[in-house]
C-alpha cells in the first residue's frame, strides 16, 4: 500500500514538474493568456496604460430629456439585455439622454474596455493627421512613414489599404486560440515587432478582410507622422476638444510601450457616445471642425470599390475603420467591439445608441451578429415613445 502511494505521489510530482516546465517554455504572451484566459471589459488593472486626460475646465454634459428614464423596458427586452450581461444601455436624441440603464453591478462613471470599437478612434486620428498635412496622402505607401515596411508585398500597402482593412496582412483573427497572432497582440509585449514583421500574403486593395493588425500598423503610421504617442494625439485632437467628462485610458503592451490600438481604449458609456455625436455632425464639435467633412464622408461610407469578406459582392458595410449598418431604411455608421460594444449613430433621427457589455450573440446574419439588431429594436421603441412622429409608440 505504501509503495503504491509513493508511486502516486511520484507520478503527481512528475506531472506538476512537467506542467511547470511546459508553462515556462511558452512565449510570454501565451503564459499571460493562460493566467488571464479570455478578455474581460474590466481589464484596466491587468495592463500598463496611458491616461488620456480630459480638460477639467471645459466639460460638456449631455442633457436629460424631459422624459428621461420614463420608458420602462418590457420584461422580454430587459431579460435579453441581462442574458448577454449588458452593463450600459443608452439612447440619446438631439443631445438629450432619453434612456440610461446600468446593469450587472455597473455604474455611470465606471470605464469599460470598448475593444475593437477603438479602431474607429484610430481611423479618426488618421483623418486629423491627413487634415493637418502630417500624412501627405492616403495613397502614400506605409513605407514612407515606416521605412522598414518593404519586404515583399509590404511595399505595396498604402494608408488607404489599412483604413479599409484591405492591406493583405497575414493576420489570424482568432480570439480563442492560445497561439494566434491576435492572442499574441493582446497579451504580448512586442507589438511593433510583431506587426511590422508580418508578411503581406494577399495583394492589397482588392478585398476587405477584418484584420486587427492593420489597425495597429495604421497607429504606428500616425505616430511616425505626428511625432506623438497615440494617447497624446487623441488627447490633444479629440478627447479635450470633445469636452469629455472623465479621463480615458489606453492599454499598452508593456510599461512605457505601445498602445494596443486595435482594441483597448477604456472609457464610460456617456463619454464614448461622443464619438457617435462627432459622426452625426460630420466631424464638427460645437462649432469646431475636429475632422474635415470630406474625410468623415469617406469614414462613414462603405468602400464599395473593394470586394466583401466573401469575395463575391461589393463591400457595403465597412468604411475607414468604421462599420456601416443597414437597419430597415436607415444607414448607420457605428463602432463595434468583440464583446458587444456598440456605439451607433443614427443620422436620420439625430440619435445615438450605446450598448456595452460582457457578451455578444454568436449567431451571425452576414457581417453582423443578431444582438445588434435586437438592441436597435429596443432603442427604436424608446425613441418612438419619446417622439410620436417617428412611428407609433409600442408601449411596454
Protein backbone atom coordinates (compact mmCIF):
# COMPACT_ATOMS: atom_id res chain seq x y z
CA UNK A 1 0.00 0.00 0.00
CA UNK A 2 2.81 2.42 0.94
CA UNK A 3 4.67 1.65 -2.29
CA UNK A 4 1.53 2.36 -4.32
CA UNK A 5 1.04 5.67 -2.50
CA UNK A 6 4.64 6.63 -3.19
CA UNK A 7 4.16 5.83 -6.86
CA UNK A 8 1.06 8.04 -7.00
CA UNK A 9 2.87 10.90 -5.28
CA UNK A 10 5.88 10.49 -7.53
CA UNK A 11 3.65 10.45 -10.62
CA UNK A 12 1.77 13.54 -9.45
CA UNK A 13 5.03 15.34 -8.73
CA UNK A 14 6.39 14.44 -12.17
CA UNK A 15 3.19 15.71 -13.81
CA UNK A 16 3.34 19.01 -11.93
CA UNK A 17 7.01 19.42 -12.80
CA UNK A 18 6.26 18.72 -16.46
CA UNK A 19 3.44 21.28 -16.48
CA UNK A 20 5.69 23.87 -14.85
CA UNK A 21 8.43 23.24 -17.42
CA UNK A 22 5.92 23.45 -20.27
CA UNK A 23 4.49 26.70 -18.88
CA UNK A 24 7.89 28.39 -18.63
CA UNK A 25 8.85 27.20 -22.09
CA UNK A 26 5.87 29.05 -23.60
CA UNK A 27 6.31 32.53 -25.06
CA UNK A 28 5.45 35.45 -22.79
CA UNK A 29 2.09 36.19 -24.44
CA UNK A 30 0.93 32.57 -24.12
CA UNK A 31 1.83 32.50 -20.42
CA UNK A 32 -0.16 35.69 -19.88
CA UNK A 33 -3.11 34.28 -21.80
CA UNK A 34 -3.13 31.17 -19.62
CA UNK A 35 -3.14 33.33 -16.49
CA UNK A 36 -5.91 35.69 -17.59
CA UNK A 37 -7.66 33.48 -20.16
CA UNK A 38 -10.47 35.22 -22.07
CA UNK A 39 -10.57 39.06 -22.27
CA UNK A 40 -12.93 40.93 -19.95
CA UNK A 41 -14.23 44.50 -20.09
CA UNK A 42 -12.82 45.45 -16.67
CA UNK A 43 -9.19 44.66 -17.54
CA UNK A 44 -7.83 48.12 -16.70
CA UNK A 45 -5.64 46.88 -13.87
CA UNK A 46 -4.22 43.95 -15.84
CA UNK A 47 -2.08 46.07 -18.17
CA UNK A 48 0.09 49.15 -18.18
CA UNK A 49 -1.73 52.16 -19.62
CA UNK A 50 -1.55 55.77 -20.69
CA UNK A 51 -4.09 58.26 -19.40
CA UNK A 52 -5.98 60.30 -21.98
CA UNK A 53 -6.74 63.37 -19.90
CA UNK A 54 -9.94 65.35 -20.16
CA UNK A 55 -9.98 69.12 -19.77
CA UNK A 56 -11.36 69.70 -16.29
CA UNK A 57 -12.02 73.38 -17.09
CA UNK A 58 -14.06 72.71 -20.22
CA UNK A 59 -16.57 69.87 -19.89
CA UNK A 60 -19.73 69.47 -21.97
CA UNK A 61 -22.52 67.39 -20.44
CA UNK A 62 -25.38 65.53 -22.05
CA UNK A 63 -28.75 66.99 -21.10
CA UNK A 64 -31.53 64.87 -19.63
CA UNK A 65 -34.67 64.82 -21.75
CA UNK A 66 -37.93 65.83 -20.05
CA UNK A 67 -38.95 62.18 -20.33
CA UNK A 68 -35.59 60.87 -19.05
CA UNK A 69 -35.93 57.22 -18.00
CA UNK A 70 -39.72 57.25 -18.01
CA UNK A 71 -39.71 54.43 -20.52
CA UNK A 72 -39.99 51.02 -18.90
CA UNK A 73 -38.39 48.10 -20.70
CA UNK A 74 -40.63 45.14 -21.46
CA UNK A 75 -39.78 42.07 -19.43
CA UNK A 76 -38.61 40.35 -22.62
CA UNK A 77 -36.29 43.22 -23.53
CA UNK A 78 -34.92 43.50 -20.01
CA UNK A 79 -34.28 39.76 -19.97
CA UNK A 80 -32.49 39.99 -23.31
CA UNK A 81 -30.18 42.75 -22.07
CA UNK A 82 -29.36 40.72 -18.99
CA UNK A 83 -28.93 37.44 -20.88
CA UNK A 84 -25.87 38.90 -22.64
CA UNK A 85 -24.66 40.65 -19.50
CA UNK A 86 -25.27 44.19 -20.68
CA UNK A 87 -23.68 46.74 -18.35
CA UNK A 88 -24.70 50.01 -20.06
CA UNK A 89 -27.53 50.87 -22.44
CA UNK A 90 -28.07 54.49 -23.52
CA UNK A 91 -30.38 56.11 -26.03
CA UNK A 92 -29.74 59.76 -26.88
CA UNK A 93 -31.59 62.11 -29.22
CA UNK A 94 -30.67 65.70 -30.09
CA UNK A 95 -28.06 65.80 -27.31
CA UNK A 96 -30.51 64.68 -24.62
CA UNK A 97 -30.43 61.31 -22.88
CA UNK A 98 -33.81 59.62 -23.20
CA UNK A 99 -32.91 56.35 -21.55
CA UNK A 100 -29.94 55.25 -19.46
CA UNK A 101 -29.58 51.89 -17.76
CA UNK A 102 -26.63 50.43 -15.86
CA UNK A 103 -26.84 46.76 -15.02
CA UNK A 104 -24.89 43.83 -13.62
CA UNK A 105 -23.25 45.97 -10.91
CA UNK A 106 -22.10 48.70 -13.32
CA UNK A 107 -22.49 52.47 -12.87
CA UNK A 108 -22.13 55.62 -14.94
CA UNK A 109 -18.55 56.55 -14.00
CA UNK A 110 -17.04 53.09 -14.43
CA UNK A 111 -14.86 52.68 -17.52
CA UNK A 112 -15.06 49.70 -19.83
CA UNK A 113 -12.68 48.38 -22.45
CA UNK A 114 -14.50 49.08 -25.71
CA UNK A 115 -12.31 46.58 -27.57
CA UNK A 116 -12.41 46.89 -31.36
CA UNK A 117 -14.67 49.94 -31.20
CA UNK A 118 -11.28 51.56 -30.53
CA UNK A 119 -10.44 51.08 -34.23
CA UNK A 120 -12.76 53.92 -35.21
CA UNK A 121 -10.82 56.27 -32.92
CA UNK A 122 -7.65 55.32 -34.81
CA UNK A 123 -9.47 55.99 -38.07
CA UNK A 124 -10.46 59.45 -36.85
CA UNK A 125 -6.88 60.23 -35.79
CA UNK A 126 -5.63 59.24 -39.24
CA UNK A 127 -8.06 61.76 -40.73
CA UNK A 128 -6.84 64.51 -38.42
CA UNK A 129 -3.22 63.77 -39.34
CA UNK A 130 -4.23 63.97 -43.00
CA UNK A 131 -6.09 67.26 -42.48
CA UNK A 132 -3.02 68.70 -40.77
CA UNK A 133 -0.71 67.61 -43.60
CA UNK A 134 1.27 65.30 -41.34
CA UNK A 135 0.05 62.44 -43.51
CA UNK A 136 0.54 63.69 -47.07
CA UNK A 137 -1.91 61.36 -48.83
CA UNK A 138 -3.99 58.32 -48.02
CA UNK A 139 -2.37 56.71 -51.04
CA UNK A 140 1.12 57.07 -49.56
CA UNK A 141 2.83 53.74 -49.06
CA UNK A 142 3.24 52.75 -45.43
CA UNK A 143 6.99 52.67 -46.07
CA UNK A 144 7.01 56.47 -46.36
CA UNK A 145 6.42 56.54 -42.58
CA UNK A 146 7.86 53.16 -41.59
CA UNK A 147 10.88 52.72 -43.89
CA UNK A 148 11.44 49.07 -42.95
CA UNK A 149 7.98 48.04 -44.23
CA UNK A 150 9.20 46.97 -47.67
CA UNK A 151 9.54 43.18 -47.51
CA UNK A 152 7.73 41.54 -50.42
CA UNK A 153 4.22 42.91 -50.90
CA UNK A 154 4.56 45.11 -47.79
CA UNK A 155 5.94 47.73 -50.19
CA UNK A 156 2.56 47.87 -51.97
CA UNK A 157 0.48 48.62 -48.87
CA UNK A 158 -0.90 52.16 -48.54
CA UNK A 159 -2.59 54.01 -45.72
CA UNK A 160 -5.91 53.69 -47.55
CA UNK A 161 -5.49 49.92 -47.57
CA UNK A 162 -5.03 49.92 -43.79
CA UNK A 163 -8.04 52.16 -43.26
CA UNK A 164 -10.27 49.81 -45.26
CA UNK A 165 -8.83 46.52 -43.96
CA UNK A 166 -7.60 45.57 -47.41
CA UNK A 167 -3.86 45.51 -46.68
CA UNK A 168 -3.46 41.76 -47.13
CA UNK A 169 -1.58 41.25 -43.84
CA UNK A 170 -1.05 37.65 -42.70
CA UNK A 171 -3.04 38.15 -39.51
CA UNK A 172 -5.16 35.38 -37.97
CA UNK A 173 -8.22 36.99 -36.38
CA UNK A 174 -8.76 34.19 -33.87
CA UNK A 175 -9.79 35.03 -30.30
CA UNK A 176 -9.93 31.56 -28.76
CA UNK A 177 -6.60 30.13 -29.86
CA UNK A 178 -3.72 30.29 -27.38
CA UNK A 179 -1.16 30.71 -30.16
CA UNK A 180 -2.98 33.00 -32.60
CA UNK A 181 -1.41 36.31 -33.58
CA UNK A 182 -4.45 38.07 -32.07
CA UNK A 183 -3.72 36.48 -28.69
CA UNK A 184 -0.07 37.47 -29.15
CA UNK A 185 -1.09 41.06 -29.86
CA UNK A 186 -3.44 41.35 -26.89
CA UNK A 187 -1.27 39.66 -24.25
CA UNK A 188 2.19 40.22 -25.73
CA UNK A 189 4.79 42.91 -25.09
CA UNK A 190 6.24 43.39 -28.58
CA UNK A 191 3.50 44.88 -30.76
CA UNK A 192 5.75 46.89 -33.05
CA UNK A 193 8.00 43.97 -33.94
CA UNK A 194 5.01 41.64 -34.27
CA UNK A 195 3.01 43.80 -36.67
CA UNK A 196 5.80 45.22 -38.80
CA UNK A 197 7.33 41.75 -39.13
CA UNK A 198 4.24 40.02 -40.53
CA UNK A 199 4.31 39.34 -44.25
CA UNK A 200 1.63 40.55 -46.65
CA UNK A 201 0.12 37.36 -48.05
CA UNK A 202 -2.62 38.80 -50.32
CA UNK A 203 -2.46 41.56 -52.88
CA UNK A 204 -3.55 44.81 -51.17
CA UNK A 205 -6.51 46.91 -52.24
CA UNK A 206 -8.68 44.14 -53.64
CA UNK A 207 -10.72 42.53 -50.87
CA UNK A 208 -11.81 43.55 -47.38
CA UNK A 209 -10.81 41.14 -44.63
CA UNK A 210 -11.04 42.08 -40.97
CA UNK A 211 -7.51 42.19 -39.56
CA UNK A 212 -6.72 43.89 -36.26
CA UNK A 213 -3.04 44.05 -37.16
CA UNK A 214 -3.76 46.52 -39.93
CA UNK A 215 -5.26 48.95 -37.40
CA UNK A 216 -2.18 48.54 -35.25
CA UNK A 217 0.09 49.25 -38.21
CA UNK A 218 -2.02 52.33 -39.02
CA UNK A 219 -1.44 53.55 -35.46
CA UNK A 220 2.32 53.26 -35.93
CA UNK A 221 2.00 55.30 -39.14
CA UNK A 222 0.10 58.01 -37.24
CA UNK A 223 2.74 58.10 -34.52
CA UNK A 224 5.56 58.31 -37.06
CA UNK A 225 3.76 61.09 -38.94
CA UNK A 226 2.86 63.19 -35.89
CA UNK A 227 5.79 62.52 -33.56
CA UNK A 228 3.32 61.84 -30.73
CA UNK A 229 2.07 58.73 -29.00
CA UNK A 230 -1.43 57.69 -29.91
CA UNK A 231 -2.69 58.69 -26.45
CA UNK A 232 -1.10 62.14 -26.69
CA UNK A 233 -2.55 62.75 -30.13
CA UNK A 234 -6.01 61.51 -29.11
CA UNK A 235 -5.99 63.71 -26.02
CA UNK A 236 -4.92 66.81 -27.94
CA UNK A 237 -7.09 66.38 -31.04
CA UNK A 238 -10.18 64.55 -29.80
CA UNK A 239 -10.65 63.97 -26.08
CA UNK A 240 -10.07 67.52 -24.81
CA UNK A 241 -11.79 69.23 -27.79
CA UNK A 242 -14.75 66.85 -27.37
CA UNK A 243 -15.06 68.15 -23.80
CA UNK A 244 -15.10 64.69 -22.22
CA UNK A 245 -16.45 64.30 -18.71
CA UNK A 246 -13.70 61.97 -17.50
CA UNK A 247 -10.22 60.72 -18.21
CA UNK A 248 -9.93 57.75 -20.53
CA UNK A 249 -7.20 55.12 -20.62
CA UNK A 250 -5.35 53.37 -23.42
CA UNK A 251 -3.84 49.99 -22.58
CA UNK A 252 -0.21 49.32 -23.53
CA UNK A 253 1.76 46.24 -24.48
CA UNK A 254 4.28 46.96 -21.71
CA UNK A 255 5.35 49.73 -19.36
CA UNK A 256 6.20 52.76 -21.48
CA UNK A 257 5.30 50.72 -24.55
CA UNK A 258 2.85 50.99 -27.42
CA UNK A 259 -0.91 51.49 -27.26
CA UNK A 260 -2.92 48.46 -28.24
CA UNK A 261 -4.62 50.44 -30.98
CA UNK A 262 -6.66 47.54 -32.34
CA UNK A 263 -8.59 47.06 -29.12
CA UNK A 264 -8.02 48.72 -25.86
CA UNK A 265 -9.48 52.16 -25.16
CA UNK A 266 -11.21 52.45 -21.74
CA UNK A 267 -14.00 54.94 -21.16
CA UNK A 268 -17.54 55.39 -19.87
CA UNK A 269 -20.77 54.94 -21.81
CA UNK A 270 -21.55 58.66 -21.76
CA UNK A 271 -18.12 59.64 -22.99
CA UNK A 272 -17.89 57.03 -25.73
CA UNK A 273 -21.21 58.34 -27.08
CA UNK A 274 -19.31 61.50 -28.06
CA UNK A 275 -17.76 59.66 -30.99
CA UNK A 276 -21.22 58.94 -32.37
CA UNK A 277 -22.11 62.60 -31.90
CA UNK A 278 -19.00 63.54 -33.87
CA UNK A 279 -20.22 61.28 -36.67
CA UNK A 280 -23.70 62.82 -36.58
CA UNK A 281 -22.14 66.28 -37.01
CA UNK A 282 -19.68 65.11 -39.66
CA UNK A 283 -16.58 65.91 -37.64
CA UNK A 284 -17.82 69.14 -36.07
CA UNK A 285 -17.93 69.57 -32.30
CA UNK A 286 -19.94 72.58 -31.10
CA UNK A 287 -18.73 74.76 -33.97
CA UNK A 288 -15.17 73.46 -34.15
CA UNK A 289 -14.29 71.17 -37.06
CA UNK A 290 -12.16 68.46 -35.48
CA UNK A 291 -12.08 66.25 -38.56
CA UNK A 292 -12.77 67.52 -42.08
CA UNK A 293 -16.19 66.81 -43.59
CA UNK A 294 -14.53 65.31 -46.64
CA UNK A 295 -12.69 62.74 -44.58
CA UNK A 296 -15.73 61.99 -42.41
CA UNK A 297 -17.75 61.26 -45.54
CA UNK A 298 -15.27 58.56 -46.53
CA UNK A 299 -15.01 57.24 -42.99
CA UNK A 300 -18.77 56.72 -42.78
CA UNK A 301 -19.33 55.33 -46.29
CA UNK A 302 -18.61 51.77 -47.35
CA UNK A 303 -15.53 51.22 -49.52
CA UNK A 304 -17.60 49.81 -52.36
CA UNK A 305 -14.57 49.56 -54.65
CA UNK A 306 -13.48 46.53 -52.60
CA UNK A 307 -14.88 43.01 -52.58
CA UNK A 308 -16.55 41.98 -49.33
CA UNK A 309 -15.19 39.33 -46.98
CA UNK A 310 -16.74 36.56 -49.04
CA UNK A 311 -15.16 37.85 -52.24
CA UNK A 312 -18.43 37.88 -54.17
CA UNK A 313 -20.09 41.27 -53.79
CA UNK A 314 -19.09 44.89 -53.44
CA UNK A 315 -18.33 45.86 -49.84
CA UNK A 316 -21.32 47.70 -48.36
CA UNK A 317 -20.71 47.55 -44.60
CA UNK A 318 -17.25 48.97 -43.82
CA UNK A 319 -15.63 52.37 -44.37
CA UNK A 320 -12.50 53.79 -42.74
CA UNK A 321 -12.15 51.67 -39.58
CA UNK A 322 -15.90 52.15 -39.14
CA UNK A 323 -18.83 49.80 -39.63
CA UNK A 324 -21.97 50.73 -41.56
CA UNK A 325 -25.25 49.09 -40.53
CA UNK A 326 -28.29 48.79 -42.78
CA UNK A 327 -31.27 48.71 -40.45
CA UNK A 328 -34.65 48.94 -42.18
CA UNK A 329 -34.42 52.24 -44.08
CA UNK A 330 -31.54 53.59 -42.02
CA UNK A 331 -27.85 53.64 -42.88
CA UNK A 332 -25.99 53.99 -39.60
CA UNK A 333 -22.22 54.29 -39.05
CA UNK A 334 -21.16 52.59 -35.86
CA UNK A 335 -18.28 51.36 -33.71
CA UNK A 336 -18.12 47.73 -32.71
CA UNK A 337 -16.23 45.65 -30.16
CA UNK A 338 -15.81 41.91 -29.69
CA UNK A 339 -17.99 41.59 -26.57
CA UNK A 340 -20.92 43.55 -27.97
CA UNK A 341 -19.60 47.08 -27.57
CA UNK A 342 -21.77 49.13 -29.95
CA UNK A 343 -21.75 52.90 -30.40
CA UNK A 344 -24.28 53.67 -33.12
CA UNK A 345 -25.04 56.96 -34.85
CA UNK A 346 -28.50 57.22 -36.43
CA UNK A 347 -28.25 60.30 -38.71
CA UNK A 348 -31.88 60.17 -39.89
CA UNK A 349 -33.10 60.59 -36.30
CA UNK A 350 -30.21 62.61 -34.83
CA UNK A 351 -29.93 59.76 -32.35
CA UNK A 352 -27.25 57.65 -30.67
CA UNK A 353 -27.37 54.18 -29.13
CA UNK A 354 -24.67 52.86 -26.82
CA UNK A 355 -24.57 49.28 -25.60
CA UNK A 356 -21.63 47.99 -23.54
CA UNK A 357 -21.48 44.52 -22.03
CA UNK A 358 -19.65 41.31 -21.34
CA UNK A 359 -21.05 39.07 -24.10
CA UNK A 360 -22.46 39.20 -27.60
CA UNK A 361 -24.51 36.79 -29.67
CA UNK A 362 -22.67 34.04 -31.52
CA UNK A 363 -25.27 33.94 -34.30
CA UNK A 364 -24.34 35.81 -37.47
CA UNK A 365 -26.55 37.29 -40.15
CA UNK A 366 -23.95 38.07 -42.80
CA UNK A 367 -21.48 40.54 -41.24
CA UNK A 368 -23.41 41.27 -38.03
CA UNK A 369 -24.44 39.23 -35.03
CA UNK A 370 -28.14 39.15 -34.16
CA UNK A 371 -27.78 41.04 -30.90
CA UNK A 372 -27.13 44.41 -32.53
CA UNK A 373 -30.44 44.19 -34.39
CA UNK A 374 -32.24 43.42 -31.14
CA UNK A 375 -30.60 46.41 -29.44
CA UNK A 376 -31.72 48.61 -32.32
CA UNK A 377 -35.26 47.28 -31.97
CA UNK A 378 -35.25 48.18 -28.27
CA UNK A 379 -33.80 51.62 -28.99
CA UNK A 380 -36.43 52.31 -31.63
CA UNK A 381 -39.19 51.59 -29.11
CA UNK A 382 -37.62 54.10 -26.73
CA UNK A 383 -37.20 56.70 -29.48
CA UNK A 384 -40.73 56.25 -30.78
CA UNK A 385 -42.24 56.63 -27.33
CA UNK A 386 -40.43 59.94 -26.96
CA UNK A 387 -41.24 61.22 -30.45
CA UNK A 388 -44.53 60.00 -31.94
CA UNK A 389 -43.51 61.43 -35.34
CA UNK A 390 -41.03 58.56 -35.77
CA UNK A 391 -43.58 55.76 -35.66
CA UNK A 392 -46.41 54.55 -33.45
CA UNK A 393 -45.19 54.02 -29.92
CA UNK A 394 -45.01 50.39 -28.87
CA UNK A 395 -45.92 50.51 -25.21
CA UNK A 396 -44.28 48.03 -22.85
